[in-house]
Amino acid sequence: MPLDGDPVVNALFSRRDFFRTLPALAVIPSLSAEAATILPLGQAELGLRITEMEVIGVRATMRTNWIFVRLTTNDGQTGLGEASVNRRLNLPELSGFFNLVRDRSPFEIERYRQAGWATASTGNRQQATAFSAIEQAQWDLVGKSLGAPVYDLVGGRLRDELPVYANINRATTDRSPNGFAISAQQAVADGFRAIKAAPFDGFPSLDQSRAEIEAATELGVHCIEAMRTAIGPDIDLKIDAHSNFDVALAIDVATRLEPQRLSWYEEPVPPTDLDSTMAIKNGIRQTMAGGEFLFGVEEFSPLCQNRAVDIIMPDVKHCGGVAEIRRIATVADLYDVLVSPHNPSGPVSTMVSAQVCAGLPNFDILEYQWNEVPWRGDLVDPPERFSEGILQVPDGPGYGVTLNNTVVREHT
C-alpha cells in the first residue's frame, strides 16, 4: 500500500473516495504527526492539525459588529466561523474552546463537541457562541481538505437556491410608521419578497401605566399597518415582538394585526416560557415562530414536541453549530415543524447557514440583515449577493467562501 509522500496520496481525492473511507475515519483514533506518515491511501487528511486561531472583529454600525474566527492548519488551509454576539468586537471565551482543537485534526468534530458541550450548554450565550464558531470552522476545514461543499458532508443538497427575507429592523433608524414604510419599500425594490421588522423594540416594561403601554402598542401597530400599505398584499410581512409581551397583551396585539395578514408572529414571550407560548399559539390565528437564542436539541425539543410554534429559528452561531442545527432540524421534522434559521449576522454566518439549509427537508426561509452597510457582501470572496430575494448556495469546498482580507482590514 502506498505511503504518504506518494504523489497519489498528496493529490486531492474525489468525494467518492472520501465516502469510501468513512468507516476508517470513524474508528481511527487521534494520531500523532509521526503516525500520520504511515496512513494508508485516502486517509492523508488525518495528518492535518489545527495550529492557529485568528479572531477578526469588524465594525459595521453603531448597532452591529461582526466577529469572524479563522482556524489555520499545519498545511496552511483555513476554515471560517462566525461568533458575532452582543455587538462585541472580541470574544475571550473563544480561547478555551480553541484549546480543545489545538494540535488536533479538524476531522475530530464529535470529539470536540463532547469535550466542549458541558461548558457550552451552561446557559451563557457567549460560551455557546464561542463553542459554535469553532465547530463551524472545523467543518469548513474538512470540506476544503476534501474539496467538497459542507452540504455534501452532512447529507447532501436538496436545493441550490434559498428564499431569503430581509430583516429591515437595524437599518430603520427612523422608528416612526413612515420610517418603517420607507425601509420596507426599499427592501421590496431590492427584490425581496418577504421582510421582517421589530416595531415593538423599546416597549415599556409591563409594570408601567396602562396608558404608556397602550401608546407603545398603538405605535407598533401603526408601524405594521404602514409597512403593509407600503408593500401591498403580496409581500410576506413578519413581525418580531422580542418577548416584550405577556399572554394577554400578545393575544390582543395579534388580534389587532389580523387585517395585516402577517406571515409570522415571532416570540411575543420568551420561548423558554413554554406554557405562555402555547397559550398564545392556541389563542391566535397567526403562524408562530421562535427559538433564536436556544441552545441544543434539549432546549428546542419542548417547542417541537408540543407544537408550541409552527417554525423554529435555530441560529448556527448560538445553537451549537452545524452538527447541532442538523439534529435540531431532525427533531422538528418529526413534529412537522419548519426551520427558518435566525441569521441577523454577517456574511460568514449566512454562508454557513446556506450550506445547512441546502439539505434540510423542512427548511422554510433564511434571514438576512438588510442594508446596514454597502460593503457587507464584499467581506467574503466570492461576494455575497442576492437576486430577487434568492441566495445561490455556494458549491465550492467548505462553505464556498474565504474572507476578503482587503475589505476586512478597511473595517477592523
Protein backbone atom coordinates (compact mmCIF):
# COMPACT_ATOMS: atom_id res chain seq x y z
CA MET A 1 0.00 0.00 0.00
CA PRO A 2 1.44 3.42 -0.86
CA LEU A 3 2.73 5.57 1.96
CA ASP A 4 2.33 9.31 2.46
CA GLY A 5 4.74 11.01 0.10
CA ASP A 6 3.42 9.06 -2.88
CA PRO A 7 2.10 11.69 -5.34
CA VAL A 8 -1.21 9.84 -5.50
CA VAL A 9 -1.69 10.31 -1.77
CA ASN A 10 -0.95 14.01 -1.95
CA ALA A 11 -3.41 14.60 -4.78
CA LEU A 12 -6.90 15.79 -3.86
CA PHE A 13 -9.07 12.69 -3.90
CA SER A 14 -12.68 12.54 -5.02
CA ARG A 15 -15.82 12.76 -2.90
CA ARG A 16 -16.47 9.11 -3.76
CA ASP A 17 -13.09 8.22 -2.25
CA PHE A 18 -13.99 10.21 0.86
CA PHE A 19 -17.23 8.38 1.47
CA ARG A 20 -15.47 5.04 0.91
CA THR A 21 -13.05 5.91 3.73
CA LEU A 22 -15.76 6.96 6.21
CA PRO A 23 -15.68 3.64 8.15
CA ALA A 24 -11.95 4.08 8.69
CA LEU A 25 -12.42 7.68 9.77
CA ALA A 26 -14.92 6.55 12.35
CA VAL A 27 -12.59 4.13 14.11
CA ILE A 28 -9.10 5.61 13.82
CA PRO A 29 -8.14 7.50 16.98
CA SER A 30 -6.26 10.77 17.07
CA LEU A 31 -2.83 10.27 15.56
CA SER A 32 0.46 11.92 16.19
CA ALA A 33 2.27 13.77 13.42
CA GLU A 34 4.69 10.85 13.21
CA ALA A 35 1.88 8.31 12.86
CA ALA A 36 0.32 10.37 10.06
CA THR A 37 3.25 9.49 7.82
CA ILE A 38 2.13 5.83 7.62
CA LEU A 39 -1.56 6.42 6.95
CA PRO A 40 -2.95 4.33 4.07
CA LEU A 41 -4.18 5.82 0.83
CA GLY A 42 -7.26 8.02 1.27
CA GLN A 43 -6.53 9.00 4.87
CA ALA A 44 -3.83 11.62 4.44
CA GLU A 45 -6.25 14.25 5.77
CA LEU A 46 -5.85 12.79 9.24
CA GLY A 47 -2.36 14.26 9.20
CA LEU A 48 -3.90 17.74 9.32
CA ARG A 49 -3.55 19.63 12.58
CA ILE A 50 -5.18 22.88 13.65
CA THR A 51 -2.35 25.18 14.65
CA GLU A 52 -3.65 28.75 14.85
CA MET A 53 -6.77 30.79 15.54
CA GLU A 54 -7.34 34.35 14.38
CA VAL A 55 -10.24 36.37 15.80
CA ILE A 56 -11.32 39.21 13.50
CA GLY A 57 -13.63 41.96 14.72
CA VAL A 58 -15.35 44.05 12.04
CA ARG A 59 -17.13 47.32 12.79
CA ALA A 60 -20.33 47.82 10.80
CA THR A 61 -22.67 50.30 12.52
CA MET A 62 -23.46 51.59 15.98
CA ARG A 63 -25.77 48.60 16.36
CA THR A 64 -23.71 45.91 14.65
CA ASN A 65 -20.23 44.41 14.94
CA TRP A 66 -19.19 41.07 13.49
CA ILE A 67 -16.69 38.57 14.88
CA PHE A 68 -15.14 36.09 12.49
CA VAL A 69 -12.95 33.16 13.50
CA ARG A 70 -10.30 31.76 11.19
CA LEU A 71 -8.57 28.49 12.04
CA THR A 72 -5.36 27.53 10.23
CA THR A 73 -3.88 24.05 9.79
CA ASN A 74 -0.30 22.90 9.58
CA ASP A 75 -0.51 22.86 5.77
CA GLY A 76 -1.87 26.44 5.58
CA GLN A 77 -5.54 25.71 4.96
CA THR A 78 -8.03 28.00 6.68
CA GLY A 79 -11.56 27.47 7.97
CA LEU A 80 -14.12 30.12 8.89
CA GLY A 81 -16.73 30.51 11.60
CA GLU A 82 -18.73 33.43 12.93
CA ALA A 83 -19.06 34.37 16.61
CA SER A 84 -20.97 37.64 16.42
CA VAL A 85 -22.80 38.34 19.68
CA ASN A 86 -23.97 41.36 21.67
CA ARG A 87 -22.20 43.95 19.47
CA ARG A 88 -18.81 42.73 20.69
CA LEU A 89 -15.58 43.00 18.72
CA ASN A 90 -13.84 40.20 20.62
CA LEU A 91 -14.90 37.11 22.49
CA PRO A 92 -12.40 35.88 25.11
CA GLU A 93 -14.39 32.66 25.52
CA LEU A 94 -13.04 31.51 22.16
CA SER A 95 -9.62 30.78 23.67
CA GLY A 96 -10.85 27.98 25.89
CA PHE A 97 -12.62 26.21 23.06
CA PHE A 98 -9.66 26.69 20.73
CA ASN A 99 -7.53 24.82 23.25
CA LEU A 100 -9.77 21.80 22.67
CA VAL A 101 -8.87 21.69 18.97
CA ARG A 102 -5.31 22.99 19.00
CA ASP A 103 -2.94 20.39 17.52
CA ARG A 104 -5.91 18.15 16.72
CA SER A 105 -7.30 17.05 13.37
CA PRO A 106 -10.21 19.19 12.12
CA PHE A 107 -11.98 15.88 11.38
CA GLU A 108 -12.42 15.28 15.11
CA ILE A 109 -15.63 17.29 15.28
CA GLU A 110 -17.56 14.92 17.50
CA ARG A 111 -14.64 14.68 19.90
CA TYR A 112 -14.65 18.49 20.15
CA ARG A 113 -18.41 18.56 20.70
CA GLN A 114 -18.16 16.04 23.51
CA ALA A 115 -15.25 17.87 25.15
CA GLY A 116 -16.85 21.31 25.00
CA TRP A 117 -20.52 20.56 25.48
CA ALA A 118 -20.69 20.90 29.26
CA THR A 119 -19.24 24.41 29.13
CA ALA A 120 -21.23 25.46 26.09
CA SER A 121 -24.57 24.34 27.49
CA THR A 122 -24.49 26.25 30.79
CA GLY A 123 -26.87 28.94 29.53
CA ASN A 124 -24.14 31.51 28.93
CA ARG A 125 -24.68 32.88 25.41
CA GLN A 126 -21.04 33.91 24.97
CA GLN A 127 -19.87 30.39 25.73
CA ALA A 128 -22.45 28.88 23.38
CA THR A 129 -21.42 31.27 20.61
CA ALA A 130 -17.70 30.62 21.03
CA PHE A 131 -18.27 26.86 21.01
CA SER A 132 -20.41 27.10 17.88
CA ALA A 133 -17.88 29.24 15.98
CA ILE A 134 -15.03 26.77 16.45
CA GLU A 135 -17.27 23.92 15.33
CA GLN A 136 -18.27 25.86 12.20
CA ALA A 137 -14.62 26.43 11.31
CA GLN A 138 -13.84 22.72 11.68
CA TRP A 139 -16.47 21.83 9.10
CA ASP A 140 -15.05 24.42 6.70
CA LEU A 141 -11.59 22.90 7.08
CA VAL A 142 -12.88 19.39 6.49
CA GLY A 143 -14.74 20.47 3.38
CA LYS A 144 -11.76 22.33 1.99
CA SER A 145 -9.39 19.44 2.67
CA LEU A 146 -11.70 17.09 0.78
CA GLY A 147 -12.65 19.51 -1.97
CA ALA A 148 -16.33 19.13 -1.03
CA PRO A 149 -19.07 21.58 -0.01
CA VAL A 150 -20.19 21.17 3.59
CA TYR A 151 -23.67 20.19 2.43
CA ASP A 152 -22.14 17.05 0.89
CA LEU A 153 -20.64 16.15 4.27
CA VAL A 154 -23.94 16.37 6.16
CA GLY A 155 -26.34 14.55 3.89
CA GLY A 156 -26.27 16.26 0.51
CA ARG A 157 -28.13 19.07 -1.18
CA LEU A 158 -31.88 19.22 -1.80
CA ARG A 159 -31.84 22.71 -3.31
CA ASP A 160 -29.27 25.04 -4.82
CA GLU A 161 -31.05 28.32 -4.10
CA LEU A 162 -32.71 29.62 -0.95
CA PRO A 163 -35.52 32.10 -0.39
CA VAL A 164 -34.33 34.86 1.94
CA TYR A 165 -36.23 37.50 3.87
CA ALA A 166 -34.89 40.98 4.54
CA ASN A 167 -34.72 41.91 8.21
CA ILE A 168 -35.10 45.71 7.95
CA ASN A 169 -35.02 46.40 11.67
CA ARG A 170 -31.45 47.64 12.24
CA ALA A 171 -31.41 49.62 9.01
CA THR A 172 -34.54 51.51 10.08
CA THR A 173 -33.22 54.43 12.11
CA ASP A 174 -36.47 56.40 11.79
CA ARG A 175 -38.72 54.30 14.04
CA SER A 176 -41.91 56.06 13.00
CA PRO A 177 -44.56 54.40 10.82
CA ASN A 178 -43.21 56.37 7.86
CA GLY A 179 -39.63 55.26 8.59
CA PHE A 180 -40.61 51.59 8.66
CA ALA A 181 -42.69 52.02 5.50
CA ILE A 182 -39.77 53.55 3.59
CA SER A 183 -37.39 50.74 4.62
CA ALA A 184 -39.96 48.11 3.68
CA GLN A 185 -40.46 49.67 0.25
CA GLN A 186 -36.72 49.81 -0.35
CA ALA A 187 -36.25 46.15 0.57
CA VAL A 188 -39.02 45.16 -1.83
CA ALA A 189 -37.40 47.32 -4.51
CA ASP A 190 -34.21 45.30 -3.91
CA GLY A 191 -36.14 42.18 -4.89
CA PHE A 192 -37.07 40.69 -1.52
CA ARG A 193 -40.48 39.07 -1.36
CA ALA A 194 -40.52 38.81 2.42
CA ILE A 195 -39.49 41.30 5.11
CA LYS A 196 -39.28 41.36 8.88
CA ALA A 197 -39.24 44.18 11.43
CA ALA A 198 -39.44 44.63 15.19
CA PRO A 199 -41.53 47.78 15.70
CA PHE A 200 -42.14 46.98 19.39
CA ASP A 201 -38.47 47.47 20.32
CA GLY A 202 -38.17 49.89 23.23
CA PHE A 203 -41.52 48.71 24.58
CA PRO A 204 -42.12 49.78 28.21
CA SER A 205 -41.97 47.19 30.94
CA LEU A 206 -45.36 45.70 31.70
CA ASP A 207 -45.47 47.24 35.17
CA GLN A 208 -45.74 50.72 33.64
CA SER A 209 -49.05 52.55 33.39
CA ARG A 210 -51.79 51.24 31.16
CA ALA A 211 -51.71 54.47 29.17
CA GLU A 212 -47.98 54.12 28.43
CA ILE A 213 -48.34 50.51 27.39
CA GLU A 214 -51.30 51.31 25.16
CA ALA A 215 -49.44 54.18 23.49
CA ALA A 216 -46.48 51.91 22.69
CA THR A 217 -48.84 49.22 21.43
CA GLU A 218 -50.62 51.66 19.15
CA LEU A 219 -47.33 52.94 17.74
CA GLY A 220 -46.17 49.41 16.91
CA VAL A 221 -49.48 48.53 15.28
CA HIS A 222 -49.41 51.74 13.22
CA CYS A 223 -45.87 50.91 12.03
CA ILE A 224 -47.05 47.50 10.85
CA GLU A 225 -50.08 48.99 9.13
CA ALA A 226 -47.81 51.48 7.36
CA MET A 227 -45.49 48.71 6.16
CA ARG A 228 -48.37 46.65 4.81
CA THR A 229 -49.78 49.66 2.97
CA ALA A 230 -46.35 50.42 1.51
CA ILE A 231 -45.55 46.92 0.27
CA GLY A 232 -49.01 45.74 -0.71
CA PRO A 233 -50.76 42.45 0.00
CA ASP A 234 -48.43 40.05 -1.82
CA ILE A 235 -45.20 40.53 0.18
CA ASP A 236 -44.74 38.40 3.29
CA LEU A 237 -44.60 40.54 6.42
CA LYS A 238 -43.03 39.05 9.56
CA ILE A 239 -43.08 40.72 12.96
CA ASP A 240 -40.66 40.05 15.82
CA ALA A 241 -42.02 41.13 19.22
CA HIS A 242 -38.70 40.42 21.01
CA SER A 243 -40.51 38.93 24.03
CA ASN A 244 -41.98 42.27 25.13
CA PHE A 245 -45.49 40.99 25.93
CA ASP A 246 -47.36 38.72 28.29
CA VAL A 247 -50.03 36.27 27.19
CA ALA A 248 -52.98 38.68 27.31
CA LEU A 249 -51.16 41.50 25.52
CA ALA A 250 -49.68 39.13 22.93
CA ILE A 251 -53.14 37.82 22.02
CA ASP A 252 -54.56 41.36 21.95
CA VAL A 253 -51.83 42.62 19.62
CA ALA A 254 -52.16 39.58 17.35
CA THR A 255 -55.91 40.16 17.11
CA ARG A 256 -55.38 43.80 16.15
CA LEU A 257 -52.89 42.72 13.49
CA GLU A 258 -55.11 40.14 11.78
CA PRO A 259 -56.05 42.54 8.94
CA GLN A 260 -52.33 42.88 8.09
CA ARG A 261 -52.05 39.15 7.29
CA LEU A 262 -48.69 38.52 8.93
CA SER A 263 -46.69 35.60 7.61
CA TRP A 264 -45.49 35.02 11.15
CA TYR A 265 -45.62 36.42 14.69
CA GLU A 266 -42.27 35.89 16.42
CA GLU A 267 -41.53 35.48 20.14
CA PRO A 268 -44.15 37.65 21.85
CA VAL A 269 -42.87 36.00 25.05
CA PRO A 270 -39.59 34.16 25.71
CA PRO A 271 -39.68 30.73 24.03
CA THR A 272 -38.36 29.19 27.25
CA ASP A 273 -41.77 30.04 28.77
CA LEU A 274 -43.44 27.05 27.17
CA ASP A 275 -46.84 27.38 28.86
CA SER A 276 -47.22 31.02 27.82
CA THR A 277 -46.01 30.33 24.29
CA MET A 278 -48.55 27.53 23.91
CA ALA A 279 -51.33 29.67 25.36
CA ILE A 280 -50.61 32.39 22.81
CA LYS A 281 -50.42 29.95 19.90
CA ASN A 282 -53.76 28.46 20.90
CA GLY A 283 -55.29 31.92 21.19
CA ILE A 284 -54.28 33.49 17.85
CA ARG A 285 -54.61 32.81 14.13
CA GLN A 286 -51.12 33.81 13.01
CA THR A 287 -48.23 31.46 12.38
CA MET A 288 -45.87 31.44 15.38
CA ALA A 289 -42.08 31.39 15.18
CA GLY A 290 -39.34 31.43 17.81
CA GLY A 291 -36.21 30.00 19.37
CA GLU A 292 -33.48 32.32 18.16
CA PHE A 293 -31.19 32.04 21.19
CA LEU A 294 -31.92 28.49 22.34
CA PHE A 295 -29.04 26.02 22.55
CA GLY A 296 -29.05 22.39 21.57
CA VAL A 297 -31.72 19.82 20.89
CA GLU A 298 -32.64 19.78 24.57
CA GLU A 299 -33.90 23.38 24.50
CA PHE A 300 -35.67 23.11 21.15
CA SER A 301 -37.38 19.78 21.78
CA PRO A 302 -40.18 21.10 24.04
CA LEU A 303 -41.21 23.67 21.43
CA CYS A 304 -41.34 20.98 18.76
CA GLN A 305 -42.92 18.16 20.75
CA ASN A 306 -45.71 20.44 21.98
CA ARG A 307 -46.12 22.24 18.64
CA ALA A 308 -45.78 25.45 20.64
CA VAL A 309 -44.57 27.17 17.48
CA ASP A 310 -45.01 26.43 13.79
CA ILE A 311 -41.46 27.44 12.88
CA ILE A 312 -38.28 27.17 14.94
CA MET A 313 -35.37 29.56 14.44
CA PRO A 314 -32.06 27.96 15.47
CA ASP A 315 -29.06 30.23 14.94
CA VAL A 316 -25.91 28.40 13.83
CA LYS A 317 -23.87 30.94 15.84
CA HIS A 318 -25.63 30.19 19.11
CA CYS A 319 -27.35 26.79 18.92
CA GLY A 320 -24.26 24.56 18.88
CA GLY A 321 -23.01 24.78 15.30
CA VAL A 322 -23.54 22.82 12.10
CA ALA A 323 -23.95 19.34 13.57
CA GLU A 324 -26.37 20.55 16.23
CA ILE A 325 -28.60 22.57 13.91
CA ARG A 326 -28.97 19.43 11.82
CA ARG A 327 -30.03 17.47 14.91
CA ILE A 328 -32.48 20.21 15.88
CA ALA A 329 -34.00 20.21 12.40
CA THR A 330 -34.45 16.43 12.54
CA VAL A 331 -36.41 16.68 15.79
CA ALA A 332 -38.51 19.49 14.31
CA ASP A 333 -39.26 17.36 11.26
CA LEU A 334 -40.66 14.59 13.46
CA TYR A 335 -43.36 17.01 14.63
CA ASP A 336 -43.98 18.78 11.30
CA VAL A 337 -42.28 21.96 12.48
CA LEU A 338 -40.47 24.06 9.88
CA VAL A 339 -36.97 25.50 10.26
CA SER A 340 -36.05 29.11 9.46
CA PRO A 341 -32.57 29.83 10.81
CA HIS A 342 -32.15 33.03 12.76
CA ASN A 343 -29.42 34.98 10.98
CA PRO A 344 -29.19 38.75 11.72
CA SER A 345 -25.50 38.18 11.18
CA GLY A 346 -22.50 38.74 8.97
CA PRO A 347 -21.85 37.06 5.62
CA VAL A 348 -19.90 34.14 7.12
CA SER A 349 -22.88 33.00 9.19
CA THR A 350 -25.08 33.45 6.14
CA MET A 351 -22.87 31.12 4.11
CA VAL A 352 -22.69 28.56 6.93
CA SER A 353 -26.48 28.67 7.24
CA ALA A 354 -26.86 28.32 3.48
CA GLN A 355 -24.87 25.07 3.48
CA VAL A 356 -27.12 23.67 6.22
CA CYS A 357 -30.38 24.90 4.68
CA ALA A 358 -29.49 23.39 1.31
CA GLY A 359 -30.12 19.93 2.74
CA LEU A 360 -32.97 20.42 5.24
CA PRO A 361 -36.24 18.80 4.13
CA ASN A 362 -38.22 21.10 6.47
CA PHE A 363 -36.45 24.35 5.54
CA ASP A 364 -38.70 27.42 5.25
CA ILE A 365 -36.73 30.64 4.63
CA LEU A 366 -33.40 32.20 5.67
CA GLU A 367 -32.94 35.56 7.38
CA TYR A 368 -30.70 38.33 6.02
CA GLN A 369 -29.72 41.52 7.84
CA TRP A 370 -30.57 44.03 5.12
CA ASN A 371 -28.92 47.29 4.10
CA GLU A 372 -26.75 48.13 7.10
CA VAL A 373 -23.55 48.84 5.16
CA PRO A 374 -22.91 48.76 1.40
CA TRP A 375 -19.66 46.78 1.69
CA ARG A 376 -21.06 43.88 3.70
CA GLY A 377 -21.27 41.43 0.78
CA ASP A 378 -17.66 42.10 -0.21
CA LEU A 379 -16.31 40.82 3.10
CA VAL A 380 -16.28 37.36 1.55
CA ASP A 381 -14.90 36.09 -1.74
CA PRO A 382 -16.81 35.35 -3.90
CA PRO A 383 -19.07 38.17 -2.73
CA GLU A 384 -22.39 37.57 -1.00
CA ARG A 385 -25.12 38.51 -3.49
CA PHE A 386 -28.91 38.19 -3.64
CA SER A 387 -31.11 38.25 -6.72
CA GLU A 388 -34.85 38.79 -6.30
CA GLY A 389 -34.61 37.69 -2.70
CA ILE A 390 -32.84 34.44 -3.59
CA LEU A 391 -29.39 33.30 -2.42
CA GLN A 392 -27.49 30.83 -4.56
CA VAL A 393 -25.88 28.14 -2.39
CA PRO A 394 -22.10 28.16 -2.98
CA ASP A 395 -20.81 24.86 -4.35
CA GLY A 396 -17.11 25.41 -3.64
CA PRO A 397 -15.18 23.49 -0.98
CA GLY A 398 -16.27 24.03 2.62
CA TYR A 399 -18.63 26.97 2.81
CA GLY A 400 -17.52 28.08 -0.63
CA VAL A 401 -16.04 31.40 0.50
CA THR A 402 -12.94 32.94 2.06
CA LEU A 403 -12.56 36.30 3.77
CA ASN A 404 -11.63 39.24 1.57
CA ASN A 405 -8.72 40.47 3.68
CA THR A 406 -8.56 43.84 1.92
CA VAL A 407 -12.15 44.72 2.82
CA VAL A 408 -11.78 43.25 6.31
CA ARG A 409 -8.74 45.44 7.04
CA GLU A 410 -10.67 48.54 5.98
CA HIS A 411 -13.24 47.95 8.72
CA THR A 412 -11.35 46.47 11.66
